[in-house]
Amino acid sequence: MTDGIVEIDSEFGKTIGFTSDKFSGDSYLWREGTRIMMSLIFSKNEGQGNLSALFEGIEAQGLIVAVPTPLGRMGAILKKKGFVMHLEENEMGAYEVWQKPEKELL
C-alpha cells in the first residue's frame, strides 16, 4: 500500500483489522511511510479490545502506530500501552505525536 488514507473495509484495512464491524464509518487512518497515523477513530464497542487488536494488526505488518494529539481517553490508553510523546512540525507548527519507542517495535 502507498502513502495516503486508509479507509475502513479497504483491502489493507481488512488486513490490519480496520473494519466497519469494529469501527465507525467516520474513522480513518493515514499511512505515512512506515507509520500508520490514527487520524480519527471511533470504536463501535469500547472496551472490547478492538483498538488493541488494531494496534497489533498494524505492528504485525512491520508498521509503527502513531497518534497525533490524542484527545480524551486515548491519551490514557496510549500511556498504559507504553507510547511516548514527542513533537513534530508541519507548515502549521508543532504538534504532539505519540508512538512506542523504537526498541519496543523490534
N, C-alpha and C. Protein backbone atom coordinates (compact mmCIF):
# COMPACT_ATOMS: atom_id res chain seq x y z
N MET A 1 0.84 -1.19 0.00
CA MET A 1 0.00 0.00 0.00
C MET A 1 0.88 1.25 0.00
N THR A 2 0.46 2.26 -0.76
CA THR A 2 1.20 3.52 -0.81
C THR A 2 0.72 4.46 0.29
N ASP A 3 1.42 5.56 0.45
CA ASP A 3 1.02 6.56 1.44
C ASP A 3 -0.36 7.12 1.11
N GLY A 4 -1.07 7.53 2.15
CA GLY A 4 -2.38 8.15 1.96
C GLY A 4 -3.40 7.55 2.91
N ILE A 5 -4.64 7.89 2.67
CA ILE A 5 -5.73 7.48 3.55
C ILE A 5 -5.92 5.97 3.53
N VAL A 6 -6.20 5.43 4.70
CA VAL A 6 -6.59 4.02 4.85
C VAL A 6 -8.04 4.05 5.26
N GLU A 7 -8.89 3.64 4.36
CA GLU A 7 -10.33 3.67 4.66
C GLU A 7 -10.78 2.37 5.28
N ILE A 8 -11.83 2.48 6.06
CA ILE A 8 -12.43 1.32 6.70
C ILE A 8 -12.86 0.33 5.62
N ASP A 9 -12.64 -0.95 5.86
CA ASP A 9 -13.02 -2.04 4.96
C ASP A 9 -12.26 -2.05 3.63
N SER A 10 -11.23 -1.21 3.50
CA SER A 10 -10.38 -1.30 2.30
C SER A 10 -9.60 -2.61 2.39
N GLU A 11 -8.96 -3.01 1.31
CA GLU A 11 -8.19 -4.25 1.32
C GLU A 11 -7.14 -4.23 2.43
N PHE A 12 -6.37 -3.14 2.51
CA PHE A 12 -5.36 -3.03 3.56
C PHE A 12 -6.02 -2.90 4.93
N GLY A 13 -7.12 -2.16 5.01
CA GLY A 13 -7.84 -2.01 6.27
C GLY A 13 -8.26 -3.35 6.84
N LYS A 14 -8.77 -4.21 5.99
CA LYS A 14 -9.17 -5.55 6.44
C LYS A 14 -7.97 -6.35 6.93
N THR A 15 -6.82 -6.18 6.28
CA THR A 15 -5.60 -6.90 6.67
C THR A 15 -5.19 -6.57 8.10
N ILE A 16 -5.38 -5.33 8.51
CA ILE A 16 -4.95 -4.90 9.84
C ILE A 16 -6.09 -4.91 10.86
N GLY A 17 -7.31 -5.22 10.44
CA GLY A 17 -8.44 -5.26 11.37
C GLY A 17 -9.22 -3.98 11.46
N PHE A 18 -9.07 -3.11 10.47
CA PHE A 18 -9.78 -1.83 10.44
C PHE A 18 -11.06 -2.02 9.63
N THR A 19 -12.09 -2.53 10.31
CA THR A 19 -13.32 -2.93 9.63
C THR A 19 -14.55 -2.28 10.25
N SER A 20 -15.60 -2.19 9.45
CA SER A 20 -16.82 -1.48 9.85
C SER A 20 -17.59 -2.19 10.94
N ASP A 21 -17.32 -3.46 11.21
CA ASP A 21 -17.99 -4.12 12.33
C ASP A 21 -17.39 -3.69 13.67
N LYS A 22 -16.19 -3.09 13.62
CA LYS A 22 -15.50 -2.68 14.85
C LYS A 22 -15.40 -1.17 15.02
N PHE A 23 -15.32 -0.45 13.91
CA PHE A 23 -15.10 0.99 13.97
C PHE A 23 -16.14 1.74 13.16
N SER A 24 -16.48 2.94 13.61
CA SER A 24 -17.46 3.79 12.94
C SER A 24 -16.97 4.21 11.56
N GLY A 25 -17.89 4.41 10.64
CA GLY A 25 -17.57 4.85 9.28
C GLY A 25 -16.92 6.22 9.22
N ASP A 26 -16.98 6.98 10.30
CA ASP A 26 -16.32 8.29 10.36
C ASP A 26 -14.82 8.15 10.61
N SER A 27 -14.38 6.94 10.93
CA SER A 27 -12.97 6.69 11.26
C SER A 27 -12.12 6.59 10.01
N TYR A 28 -10.87 7.02 10.14
CA TYR A 28 -9.89 6.77 9.07
C TYR A 28 -8.48 6.83 9.63
N LEU A 29 -7.59 6.18 8.93
CA LEU A 29 -6.17 6.17 9.28
C LEU A 29 -5.41 6.79 8.12
N TRP A 30 -4.15 7.08 8.34
CA TRP A 30 -3.33 7.68 7.30
C TRP A 30 -1.97 6.99 7.29
N ARG A 31 -1.59 6.43 6.14
CA ARG A 31 -0.27 5.81 6.02
C ARG A 31 0.72 6.88 5.61
N GLU A 32 1.83 6.92 6.34
CA GLU A 32 2.90 7.90 6.10
C GLU A 32 4.22 7.14 6.25
N GLY A 33 4.72 6.62 5.15
CA GLY A 33 5.95 5.83 5.20
C GLY A 33 5.73 4.54 5.96
N THR A 34 6.50 4.38 7.05
CA THR A 34 6.38 3.16 7.86
C THR A 34 5.42 3.35 9.04
N ARG A 35 4.72 4.47 9.06
CA ARG A 35 3.78 4.74 10.16
C ARG A 35 2.34 4.73 9.67
N ILE A 36 1.48 4.29 10.57
CA ILE A 36 0.05 4.45 10.38
C ILE A 36 -0.41 5.46 11.43
N MET A 37 -0.86 6.61 10.95
CA MET A 37 -1.33 7.66 11.84
C MET A 37 -2.81 7.42 12.14
N MET A 38 -3.14 7.41 13.42
CA MET A 38 -4.53 7.26 13.86
C MET A 38 -5.15 8.65 13.83
N SER A 39 -5.58 9.06 12.66
CA SER A 39 -6.09 10.41 12.48
C SER A 39 -7.42 10.62 13.19
N LEU A 40 -8.34 9.69 12.99
CA LEU A 40 -9.67 9.80 13.60
C LEU A 40 -10.23 8.40 13.72
N ILE A 41 -10.54 7.99 14.94
CA ILE A 41 -11.02 6.62 15.13
C ILE A 41 -12.07 6.56 16.23
N PHE A 42 -13.15 5.85 15.93
CA PHE A 42 -14.24 5.66 16.88
C PHE A 42 -14.59 4.18 16.92
N SER A 43 -14.36 3.56 18.07
CA SER A 43 -14.70 2.15 18.24
C SER A 43 -16.21 2.04 18.46
N LYS A 44 -16.83 1.07 17.81
CA LYS A 44 -18.27 0.86 17.99
C LYS A 44 -18.57 0.26 19.35
N ASN A 45 -17.64 -0.51 19.88
CA ASN A 45 -17.84 -1.18 21.18
C ASN A 45 -16.61 -0.97 22.04
N GLU A 46 -16.56 0.16 22.71
CA GLU A 46 -15.41 0.49 23.54
C GLU A 46 -15.20 -0.56 24.62
N GLY A 47 -13.93 -0.81 24.93
CA GLY A 47 -13.58 -1.75 25.98
C GLY A 47 -13.60 -3.21 25.55
N GLN A 48 -13.78 -3.48 24.26
CA GLN A 48 -13.84 -4.85 23.76
C GLN A 48 -12.53 -5.32 23.14
N GLY A 49 -11.50 -4.48 23.17
CA GLY A 49 -10.19 -4.87 22.64
C GLY A 49 -9.99 -4.58 21.16
N ASN A 50 -10.94 -3.89 20.53
CA ASN A 50 -10.80 -3.61 19.09
C ASN A 50 -9.61 -2.72 18.79
N LEU A 51 -9.37 -1.71 19.62
CA LEU A 51 -8.24 -0.82 19.39
C LEU A 51 -6.92 -1.57 19.59
N SER A 52 -6.85 -2.38 20.63
CA SER A 52 -5.63 -3.17 20.87
C SER A 52 -5.37 -4.12 19.70
N ALA A 53 -6.41 -4.75 19.20
CA ALA A 53 -6.26 -5.66 18.06
C ALA A 53 -5.80 -4.90 16.82
N LEU A 54 -6.29 -3.68 16.64
CA LEU A 54 -5.87 -2.86 15.50
C LEU A 54 -4.39 -2.51 15.63
N PHE A 55 -3.97 -2.10 16.81
CA PHE A 55 -2.54 -1.81 17.04
C PHE A 55 -1.71 -3.04 16.68
N GLU A 56 -2.12 -4.20 17.15
CA GLU A 56 -1.39 -5.45 16.88
C GLU A 56 -1.37 -5.76 15.39
N GLY A 57 -2.49 -5.53 14.71
CA GLY A 57 -2.56 -5.78 13.27
C GLY A 57 -1.62 -4.88 12.49
N ILE A 58 -1.52 -3.63 12.91
CA ILE A 58 -0.61 -2.68 12.26
C ILE A 58 0.84 -3.11 12.49
N GLU A 59 1.17 -3.40 13.75
CA GLU A 59 2.54 -3.80 14.08
C GLU A 59 2.92 -5.12 13.43
N ALA A 60 1.96 -6.02 13.23
CA ALA A 60 2.23 -7.31 12.57
C ALA A 60 2.65 -7.11 11.11
N GLN A 61 2.29 -5.97 10.54
CA GLN A 61 2.69 -5.63 9.16
C GLN A 61 4.06 -4.94 9.13
N GLY A 62 4.69 -4.81 10.31
CA GLY A 62 6.00 -4.16 10.39
C GLY A 62 5.90 -2.65 10.39
N LEU A 63 4.71 -2.13 10.71
CA LEU A 63 4.48 -0.69 10.70
C LEU A 63 4.40 -0.14 12.12
N ILE A 64 4.56 1.14 12.25
CA ILE A 64 4.54 1.84 13.53
C ILE A 64 3.18 2.52 13.70
N VAL A 65 2.59 2.36 14.87
CA VAL A 65 1.35 3.06 15.21
C VAL A 65 1.73 4.43 15.77
N ALA A 66 1.14 5.48 15.23
CA ALA A 66 1.39 6.84 15.71
C ALA A 66 0.05 7.55 15.87
N VAL A 67 -0.07 8.32 16.95
CA VAL A 67 -1.31 9.03 17.23
C VAL A 67 -1.00 10.52 17.42
N PRO A 68 -1.45 11.35 16.48
CA PRO A 68 -1.22 12.79 16.64
C PRO A 68 -2.24 13.40 17.60
N THR A 69 -1.73 14.16 18.56
CA THR A 69 -2.53 14.93 19.51
C THR A 69 -3.77 14.17 19.98
N PRO A 70 -3.58 13.11 20.78
CA PRO A 70 -4.72 12.32 21.25
C PRO A 70 -5.63 13.12 22.17
N LEU A 71 -6.90 12.85 22.08
CA LEU A 71 -7.90 13.53 22.90
C LEU A 71 -8.52 12.55 23.90
N GLY A 72 -8.94 13.08 25.02
CA GLY A 72 -9.69 12.31 26.00
C GLY A 72 -9.02 11.03 26.44
N ARG A 73 -9.79 9.97 26.41
CA ARG A 73 -9.37 8.66 26.89
C ARG A 73 -8.18 8.08 26.12
N MET A 74 -8.01 8.49 24.88
CA MET A 74 -6.94 7.94 24.06
C MET A 74 -5.57 8.19 24.69
N GLY A 75 -5.35 9.34 25.29
CA GLY A 75 -4.07 9.63 25.94
C GLY A 75 -3.76 8.63 27.05
N ALA A 76 -4.74 8.30 27.87
CA ALA A 76 -4.55 7.34 28.95
C ALA A 76 -4.27 5.94 28.39
N ILE A 77 -4.96 5.57 27.32
CA ILE A 77 -4.74 4.27 26.69
C ILE A 77 -3.31 4.18 26.17
N LEU A 78 -2.85 5.23 25.51
CA LEU A 78 -1.51 5.23 24.94
C LEU A 78 -0.44 5.12 26.02
N LYS A 79 -0.60 5.87 27.10
CA LYS A 79 0.37 5.80 28.20
C LYS A 79 0.43 4.38 28.76
N LYS A 80 -0.72 3.76 28.96
CA LYS A 80 -0.79 2.40 29.50
C LYS A 80 -0.09 1.40 28.58
N LYS A 81 -0.13 1.65 27.28
CA LYS A 81 0.47 0.75 26.29
C LYS A 81 1.93 1.07 26.00
N GLY A 82 2.50 2.04 26.72
CA GLY A 82 3.92 2.34 26.58
C GLY A 82 4.28 3.34 25.49
N PHE A 83 3.29 4.05 24.96
CA PHE A 83 3.56 5.08 23.96
C PHE A 83 4.15 6.30 24.66
N VAL A 84 5.00 7.02 23.96
CA VAL A 84 5.57 8.26 24.49
C VAL A 84 5.34 9.39 23.49
N MET A 85 5.29 10.58 24.01
CA MET A 85 5.01 11.76 23.19
C MET A 85 6.30 12.42 22.74
N HIS A 86 6.30 12.87 21.50
CA HIS A 86 7.36 13.74 21.01
C HIS A 86 6.69 14.79 20.13
N LEU A 87 7.42 15.83 19.81
CA LEU A 87 6.87 16.90 18.98
C LEU A 87 7.36 16.77 17.54
N GLU A 88 6.47 17.04 16.63
CA GLU A 88 6.81 17.12 15.21
C GLU A 88 6.28 18.45 14.70
N GLU A 89 6.76 18.85 13.54
CA GLU A 89 6.31 20.12 12.96
C GLU A 89 5.85 19.93 11.54
N ASN A 90 4.88 20.75 11.18
CA ASN A 90 4.48 20.87 9.78
C ASN A 90 4.29 22.35 9.48
N GLU A 91 3.69 22.66 8.36
CA GLU A 91 3.54 24.08 7.97
C GLU A 91 2.68 24.88 8.95
N MET A 92 1.89 24.19 9.79
CA MET A 92 1.04 24.89 10.75
C MET A 92 1.67 25.01 12.13
N GLY A 93 2.84 24.39 12.33
CA GLY A 93 3.53 24.48 13.61
C GLY A 93 3.76 23.12 14.24
N ALA A 94 4.10 23.15 15.53
CA ALA A 94 4.42 21.93 16.27
C ALA A 94 3.15 21.26 16.77
N TYR A 95 3.20 19.92 16.83
CA TYR A 95 2.08 19.14 17.35
C TYR A 95 2.62 17.86 17.98
N GLU A 96 1.85 17.28 18.90
CA GLU A 96 2.23 16.06 19.58
C GLU A 96 2.03 14.85 18.68
N VAL A 97 2.93 13.89 18.76
CA VAL A 97 2.75 12.58 18.16
C VAL A 97 3.17 11.56 19.20
N TRP A 98 2.30 10.60 19.46
CA TRP A 98 2.57 9.54 20.42
C TRP A 98 2.85 8.25 19.66
N GLN A 99 3.95 7.58 20.01
CA GLN A 99 4.25 6.27 19.46
C GLN A 99 5.17 5.53 20.42
N LYS A 100 5.30 4.23 20.22
CA LYS A 100 6.17 3.43 21.07
C LYS A 100 7.62 3.73 20.74
N PRO A 101 8.49 3.67 21.74
CA PRO A 101 9.92 3.83 21.46
C PRO A 101 10.36 2.72 20.49
N GLU A 102 11.28 3.03 19.61
CA GLU A 102 11.74 2.09 18.58
C GLU A 102 12.13 0.72 19.12
N LYS A 103 12.79 0.68 20.29
CA LYS A 103 13.27 -0.60 20.81
C LYS A 103 12.12 -1.56 21.08
N GLU A 104 10.92 -1.05 21.38
CA GLU A 104 9.77 -1.92 21.65
C GLU A 104 9.16 -2.48 20.38
N LEU A 105 9.52 -1.94 19.23
CA LEU A 105 8.95 -2.39 17.98
C LEU A 105 9.72 -3.56 17.39
N LEU A 106 10.90 -3.85 17.90
CA LEU A 106 11.72 -4.94 17.37
C LEU A 106 11.22 -6.29 17.79
